Amino acid sequence: MRLLLITYAVILILGVTAMLTGWHYLANIAGFISAVGFMLVFFKDRPDEETEFQIRMRRYWYIVFATGIIFSLIFGSFWNDHMGNMAM
């Protein structure tokens, strides 16, 4: 549970800092962390019978990583004026 909270705090700090400062690179780092985390959680070999706690923790991990992807999309990609010809 501690690792989950630390990861969530790092993603939130990167996303909020990107929002406040306009440094889209920070949100892209949060998105990269989330993408790698999604792959690790999704493709991890699971036992045939999981406990309720394991299922709940997997859902929490999905929520944490979805938050990072959303931060990356909103504050990273949409604010990025160097890629995709999005200059104002």
Protein backbone atom coordinates (compact mmCIF):
# COMPACT_ATOMS: atom_id res chain seq x y z
CA MET A 1 0.00 0.00 0.00
CA ARG A 2 2.90 2.31 0.73
CA LEU A 3 4.30 1.89 -2.80
CA LEU A 4 0.88 2.68 -4.22
CA LEU A 5 0.65 5.92 -2.24
CA ILE A 6 4.21 6.97 -3.11
CA THR A 7 3.58 6.35 -6.81
CA TYR A 8 0.31 8.27 -6.67
CA ALA A 9 2.00 11.17 -4.87
CA VAL A 10 4.79 11.32 -7.47
CA ILE A 11 2.29 11.31 -10.35
CA LEU A 12 0.16 13.99 -8.68
CA ILE A 13 3.17 16.17 -7.92
CA LEU A 14 4.41 15.90 -11.51
CA GLY A 15 0.95 16.63 -12.93
CA VAL A 16 0.16 19.57 -10.66
CA THR A 17 3.64 21.04 -11.14
CA ALA A 18 3.21 20.77 -14.92
CA MET A 19 -0.15 22.51 -14.61
CA LEU A 20 1.20 25.36 -12.48
CA THR A 21 4.51 25.93 -14.26
CA GLY A 22 3.60 25.04 -17.84
CA TRP A 23 6.51 22.59 -18.15
CA HIS A 24 4.82 19.92 -20.20
CA TYR A 25 7.81 17.61 -19.80
CA LEU A 26 6.80 16.87 -16.20
CA ALA A 27 3.36 15.69 -17.24
CA ASN A 28 4.93 13.57 -19.96
CA ILE A 29 7.16 11.94 -17.33
CA ALA A 30 4.04 11.15 -15.28
CA GLY A 31 2.49 9.63 -18.39
CA PHE A 32 5.59 7.54 -19.03
CA ILE A 33 5.56 6.24 -15.46
CA SER A 34 1.88 5.39 -15.87
CA ALA A 35 2.32 3.65 -19.21
CA VAL A 36 5.08 1.43 -17.84
CA GLY A 37 3.03 0.77 -14.72
CA PHE A 38 -0.01 -0.21 -16.78
CA MET A 39 2.09 -2.71 -18.68
CA LEU A 40 3.53 -4.17 -15.48
CA VAL A 41 0.17 -4.54 -13.77
CA PHE A 42 -1.79 -5.69 -16.82
CA PHE A 43 0.69 -8.30 -18.06
CA LYS A 44 1.68 -9.63 -14.63
CA ASP A 45 1.00 -13.32 -14.15
CA ARG A 46 -1.85 -13.65 -11.71
CA PRO A 47 -2.77 -16.73 -9.71
CA ASP A 48 -5.84 -18.67 -10.77
CA GLU A 49 -7.71 -17.65 -7.66
CA GLU A 50 -7.12 -14.13 -6.42
CA THR A 51 -8.16 -12.83 -3.05
CA GLU A 52 -10.47 -9.87 -2.74
CA PHE A 53 -7.56 -7.77 -1.49
CA GLN A 54 -5.47 -8.54 -4.60
CA ILE A 55 -8.35 -7.61 -6.89
CA ARG A 56 -8.92 -4.36 -4.99
CA MET A 57 -5.20 -3.46 -5.10
CA ARG A 58 -5.07 -4.10 -8.85
CA ARG A 59 -8.02 -1.74 -9.32
CA TYR A 60 -6.25 0.90 -7.22
CA TRP A 61 -3.14 0.57 -9.38
CA TYR A 62 -5.28 1.04 -12.49
CA ILE A 63 -6.77 4.23 -11.01
CA VAL A 64 -3.32 5.58 -10.12
CA PHE A 65 -1.94 4.92 -13.59
CA ALA A 66 -5.06 6.29 -15.31
CA THR A 67 -4.54 9.52 -13.39
CA GLY A 68 -1.01 9.77 -14.77
CA ILE A 69 -2.20 9.15 -18.34
CA ILE A 70 -4.87 11.84 -17.97
CA PHE A 71 -2.32 14.33 -16.63
CA SER A 72 -0.03 13.46 -19.51
CA LEU A 73 -2.74 13.94 -22.11
CA ILE A 74 -4.13 17.17 -20.69
CA PHE A 75 -1.05 18.97 -19.37
CA GLY A 76 1.61 17.31 -21.50
CA SER A 77 0.38 16.70 -25.00
CA PHE A 78 -2.23 19.42 -25.29
CA TRP A 79 0.05 22.13 -23.92
CA ASN A 80 3.07 20.96 -25.88
CA ASP A 81 3.71 23.55 -28.58
CA HIS A 82 6.74 21.74 -30.01
CA MET A 83 4.96 18.67 -31.35
CA GLY A 84 1.95 18.31 -33.58
CA ASN A 85 2.05 21.90 -34.82
CA MET A 86 0.14 23.13 -31.78
CA ALA A 87 1.87 26.52 -31.59
CA MET A 88 -0.36 29.47 -30.80
